[in-house]
Amino acid sequence: MTCSFRSGYRLLVWTVLILMTLSCTQGPPVPFPAVDFNLEDVFTGEEVNLEQLRGRPILLYFFASW
């Protein structure tokens, strides 16, 4: 009985790990691409186009001081 329980437990753990790995590789669905825009790089002063960063993760941080 303990042998089959351990086998079933291992199968369950492997199944969960595989499903978690597959779900992480797909990423969230994107209904439409972002509108292309240009910004100035804070460090270099160069103009950066959103199209240049396609396929790479980016973080936009909007800050306001009242």
N, C-alpha and C. Protein backbone atom coordinates (compact mmCIF):
# COMPACT_ATOMS: atom_id res chain seq x y z
N MET A 1 0.82 -1.20 0.00
CA MET A 1 0.00 0.00 0.00
C MET A 1 0.86 1.26 0.00
N THR A 2 1.92 1.29 0.78
CA THR A 2 2.75 2.49 0.84
C THR A 2 3.49 2.71 -0.46
N CYS A 3 3.84 1.64 -1.14
CA CYS A 3 4.55 1.78 -2.41
C CYS A 3 3.66 2.46 -3.46
N SER A 4 2.40 2.07 -3.56
CA SER A 4 1.51 2.68 -4.54
C SER A 4 1.16 4.11 -4.14
N PHE A 5 1.10 4.38 -2.83
CA PHE A 5 0.82 5.74 -2.38
C PHE A 5 1.97 6.67 -2.77
N ARG A 6 3.20 6.21 -2.58
CA ARG A 6 4.36 7.01 -2.94
C ARG A 6 4.42 7.22 -4.44
N SER A 7 4.11 6.21 -5.21
CA SER A 7 4.11 6.34 -6.67
C SER A 7 3.05 7.33 -7.12
N GLY A 8 1.88 7.25 -6.54
CA GLY A 8 0.81 8.17 -6.88
C GLY A 8 1.15 9.60 -6.47
N TYR A 9 1.79 9.74 -5.32
CA TYR A 9 2.20 11.06 -4.84
C TYR A 9 3.25 11.65 -5.77
N ARG A 10 4.21 10.86 -6.17
CA ARG A 10 5.25 11.34 -7.09
C ARG A 10 4.65 11.73 -8.43
N LEU A 11 3.72 10.95 -8.93
CA LEU A 11 3.05 11.27 -10.19
C LEU A 11 2.29 12.59 -10.08
N LEU A 12 1.61 12.79 -8.96
CA LEU A 12 0.87 14.04 -8.74
C LEU A 12 1.82 15.23 -8.69
N VAL A 13 2.93 15.10 -7.98
CA VAL A 13 3.90 16.19 -7.88
C VAL A 13 4.47 16.52 -9.25
N TRP A 14 4.87 15.51 -10.01
CA TRP A 14 5.43 15.75 -11.34
C TRP A 14 4.41 16.38 -12.28
N THR A 15 3.17 15.95 -12.18
CA THR A 15 2.12 16.52 -13.03
C THR A 15 1.91 17.99 -12.71
N VAL A 16 1.88 18.33 -11.43
CA VAL A 16 1.70 19.73 -11.03
C VAL A 16 2.89 20.56 -11.50
N LEU A 17 4.10 20.07 -11.34
CA LEU A 17 5.29 20.80 -11.78
C LEU A 17 5.30 21.03 -13.28
N ILE A 18 4.92 20.02 -14.05
CA ILE A 18 4.89 20.16 -15.51
C ILE A 18 3.82 21.17 -15.92
N LEU A 19 2.64 21.12 -15.31
CA LEU A 19 1.58 22.06 -15.65
C LEU A 19 1.97 23.49 -15.27
N MET A 20 2.65 23.66 -14.15
CA MET A 20 3.10 25.00 -13.76
C MET A 20 4.13 25.53 -14.75
N THR A 21 5.03 24.67 -15.20
CA THR A 21 6.05 25.08 -16.15
C THR A 21 5.42 25.48 -17.48
N LEU A 22 4.47 24.71 -17.96
CA LEU A 22 3.81 25.02 -19.23
C LEU A 22 3.01 26.32 -19.15
N SER A 23 2.36 26.56 -18.02
CA SER A 23 1.56 27.77 -17.91
C SER A 23 2.45 29.01 -17.80
N CYS A 24 3.66 28.88 -17.28
CA CYS A 24 4.56 30.03 -17.15
C CYS A 24 5.19 30.43 -18.47
N THR A 25 5.32 29.53 -19.41
CA THR A 25 6.01 29.85 -20.66
C THR A 25 5.10 30.57 -21.66
N GLN A 26 3.81 30.50 -21.49
CA GLN A 26 2.91 31.08 -22.47
C GLN A 26 2.70 32.56 -22.27
N GLY A 27 2.67 33.06 -21.06
CA GLY A 27 2.45 34.47 -20.78
C GLY A 27 0.98 34.84 -20.91
N PRO A 28 0.66 36.03 -20.48
CA PRO A 28 -0.74 36.46 -20.52
C PRO A 28 -1.17 36.79 -21.94
N PRO A 29 -2.45 36.61 -22.25
CA PRO A 29 -2.93 36.96 -23.60
C PRO A 29 -2.92 38.47 -23.80
N VAL A 30 -2.53 38.91 -24.97
CA VAL A 30 -2.50 40.33 -25.30
C VAL A 30 -3.57 40.59 -26.34
N PRO A 31 -4.61 41.37 -26.00
CA PRO A 31 -5.71 41.57 -26.94
C PRO A 31 -5.30 42.41 -28.15
N PHE A 32 -4.38 43.35 -27.96
CA PHE A 32 -3.90 44.18 -29.07
C PHE A 32 -2.55 44.76 -28.66
N PRO A 33 -1.68 45.06 -29.61
CA PRO A 33 -0.37 45.61 -29.26
C PRO A 33 -0.48 47.04 -28.75
N ALA A 34 0.51 47.45 -27.98
CA ALA A 34 0.54 48.81 -27.45
C ALA A 34 0.80 49.80 -28.58
N VAL A 35 0.32 51.00 -28.42
CA VAL A 35 0.53 52.06 -29.40
C VAL A 35 2.01 52.45 -29.38
N ASP A 36 2.60 52.60 -30.54
CA ASP A 36 4.01 52.95 -30.64
C ASP A 36 4.23 54.39 -30.18
N PHE A 37 5.26 54.60 -29.35
CA PHE A 37 5.58 55.95 -28.90
C PHE A 37 7.08 56.08 -28.66
N ASN A 38 7.56 57.29 -28.53
CA ASN A 38 8.97 57.58 -28.30
C ASN A 38 9.14 58.24 -26.93
N LEU A 39 10.22 57.87 -26.26
CA LEU A 39 10.57 58.47 -24.98
C LEU A 39 12.06 58.75 -24.95
N GLU A 40 12.46 59.67 -24.10
CA GLU A 40 13.88 59.95 -23.93
C GLU A 40 14.44 59.09 -22.80
N ASP A 41 15.57 58.42 -23.07
CA ASP A 41 16.23 57.61 -22.05
C ASP A 41 16.79 58.53 -20.97
N VAL A 42 16.47 58.24 -19.73
CA VAL A 42 16.87 59.10 -18.62
C VAL A 42 18.40 59.13 -18.46
N PHE A 43 19.06 58.01 -18.70
CA PHE A 43 20.49 57.90 -18.45
C PHE A 43 21.33 58.42 -19.61
N THR A 44 20.94 58.10 -20.84
CA THR A 44 21.77 58.46 -21.99
C THR A 44 21.25 59.67 -22.75
N GLY A 45 19.99 60.01 -22.60
CA GLY A 45 19.40 61.13 -23.33
C GLY A 45 18.98 60.78 -24.74
N GLU A 46 19.19 59.52 -25.16
CA GLU A 46 18.80 59.08 -26.50
C GLU A 46 17.30 58.83 -26.56
N GLU A 47 16.75 58.97 -27.75
CA GLU A 47 15.33 58.69 -27.95
C GLU A 47 15.14 57.19 -28.14
N VAL A 48 14.19 56.62 -27.41
CA VAL A 48 13.90 55.19 -27.48
C VAL A 48 12.49 55.02 -28.03
N ASN A 49 12.37 54.16 -29.04
CA ASN A 49 11.10 53.85 -29.66
C ASN A 49 10.59 52.54 -29.09
N LEU A 50 9.31 52.44 -28.81
CA LEU A 50 8.73 51.22 -28.26
C LEU A 50 8.95 50.03 -29.20
N GLU A 51 8.93 50.27 -30.48
CA GLU A 51 9.12 49.18 -31.46
C GLU A 51 10.50 48.54 -31.30
N GLN A 52 11.50 49.30 -30.86
CA GLN A 52 12.84 48.76 -30.65
C GLN A 52 12.87 47.75 -29.52
N LEU A 53 11.92 47.83 -28.61
CA LEU A 53 11.89 46.96 -27.43
C LEU A 53 10.93 45.79 -27.58
N ARG A 54 10.37 45.60 -28.76
CA ARG A 54 9.39 44.53 -28.97
C ARG A 54 10.00 43.17 -28.61
N GLY A 55 9.24 42.38 -27.84
CA GLY A 55 9.68 41.06 -27.43
C GLY A 55 10.44 41.06 -26.11
N ARG A 56 10.76 42.22 -25.59
CA ARG A 56 11.46 42.33 -24.31
C ARG A 56 10.50 42.87 -23.27
N PRO A 57 10.62 42.42 -22.02
CA PRO A 57 9.76 42.98 -20.98
C PRO A 57 10.18 44.41 -20.65
N ILE A 58 9.21 45.28 -20.47
CA ILE A 58 9.51 46.67 -20.10
C ILE A 58 8.63 47.06 -18.92
N LEU A 59 9.07 48.05 -18.17
CA LEU A 59 8.32 48.55 -17.04
C LEU A 59 8.18 50.05 -17.21
N LEU A 60 6.95 50.52 -17.27
CA LEU A 60 6.67 51.94 -17.34
C LEU A 60 6.25 52.40 -15.96
N TYR A 61 6.96 53.37 -15.45
CA TYR A 61 6.69 53.87 -14.10
C TYR A 61 6.22 55.31 -14.21
N PHE A 62 4.96 55.55 -13.88
CA PHE A 62 4.40 56.90 -13.92
C PHE A 62 4.39 57.44 -12.51
N PHE A 63 4.99 58.60 -12.33
CA PHE A 63 5.10 59.20 -11.01
C PHE A 63 4.54 60.61 -11.05
N ALA A 64 3.79 60.96 -10.04
CA ALA A 64 3.26 62.32 -9.95
C ALA A 64 3.46 62.82 -8.53
N SER A 65 3.84 64.06 -8.41
CA SER A 65 3.99 64.70 -7.11
C SER A 65 2.98 65.84 -7.03
N TRP A 66 2.16 65.82 -6.04
CA TRP A 66 1.12 66.83 -5.93
C TRP A 66 1.57 67.91 -5.02
